[in-house]
Amino acid sequence: MGEIDLATNSFGQNFNVTMTQMVSAFSSLVNGGYYYEPHVVKQIQDEDGNVIETKDPVLLRKTVSSETSKMLRQYLKATMDYGTGTRAKVEGYDIGAKTGTAEKLPRGNGKYLLSYIGYAPQNNPEVVVYVVIDEPNTAVQDDSSLVLGLSQKIMSEAFPYLGITTIAQSGQNAQAQGQNFGNTEYTDYDENYEDTYGNADGSYVDENYTPDLDDWASSDVSE
């Protein structure tokens, strides 16, 4: 593998996957790290509705630790609550997601592939939704709102139909209160707190006031 291939691997420009492979891999990142063999058949019934064969999930490998999976879910939820995925929010559901705006080769032609992949609920995910628009029919293609609107419509109809657990049913709080993103704890602002702190000349900021962004892409930092 060359230096350029190694560098571009980190943001997916050196290999191709099918949508099924993408969903399977993403599911393992949010389900605790368990990668299952993709399958489309749950069971086979005879003409009378009797189950004659059941297709049980086949666990192939562990991709990440449960701790890493939990941390990733927190970041993905933040994308929906405060970042690029907010337009795809569905009222009543706690969703985590990642958006994508991929430039197609050759570069400079203004051709893009837009994507959205999300899951619900935040804890114990039950469903993953993956939406891709290849070269949207618009003058400016690198506009993530195009895929967000479509994703929101799909989820708003699919979630109730599938019986996906709502925030009310799970007892979760829809607001991010005291969440722990990596090593950084975020808490609500107390408007009655009178003292205000700043950085005087020669002072320094202690570690862990903000997440470590050294290895993040600029697009991820903006989320």
Foldseek 3Di string as FASTA:
>chain_A
DDPVLVVCVVVPPNDDDDPQVVVQCVCCLQQFFWRWDDDDDQFDADPVRHTPGGDDIHTDDGGDGSVRSLLVLVLQQCCCVPNDQVLLDAPQWRKGKDKDWAADPPPPPQWTKTKMWMFDDSPNTDDIDIDIDGRDPDPHDRDNVVRSVVNSVVCNVPCVVVVTDGCVRVVHDNDDAQDQNDPATDHDDDPPDDDDDDADPPGDDDPRPDDDCPPPDPNSVRD
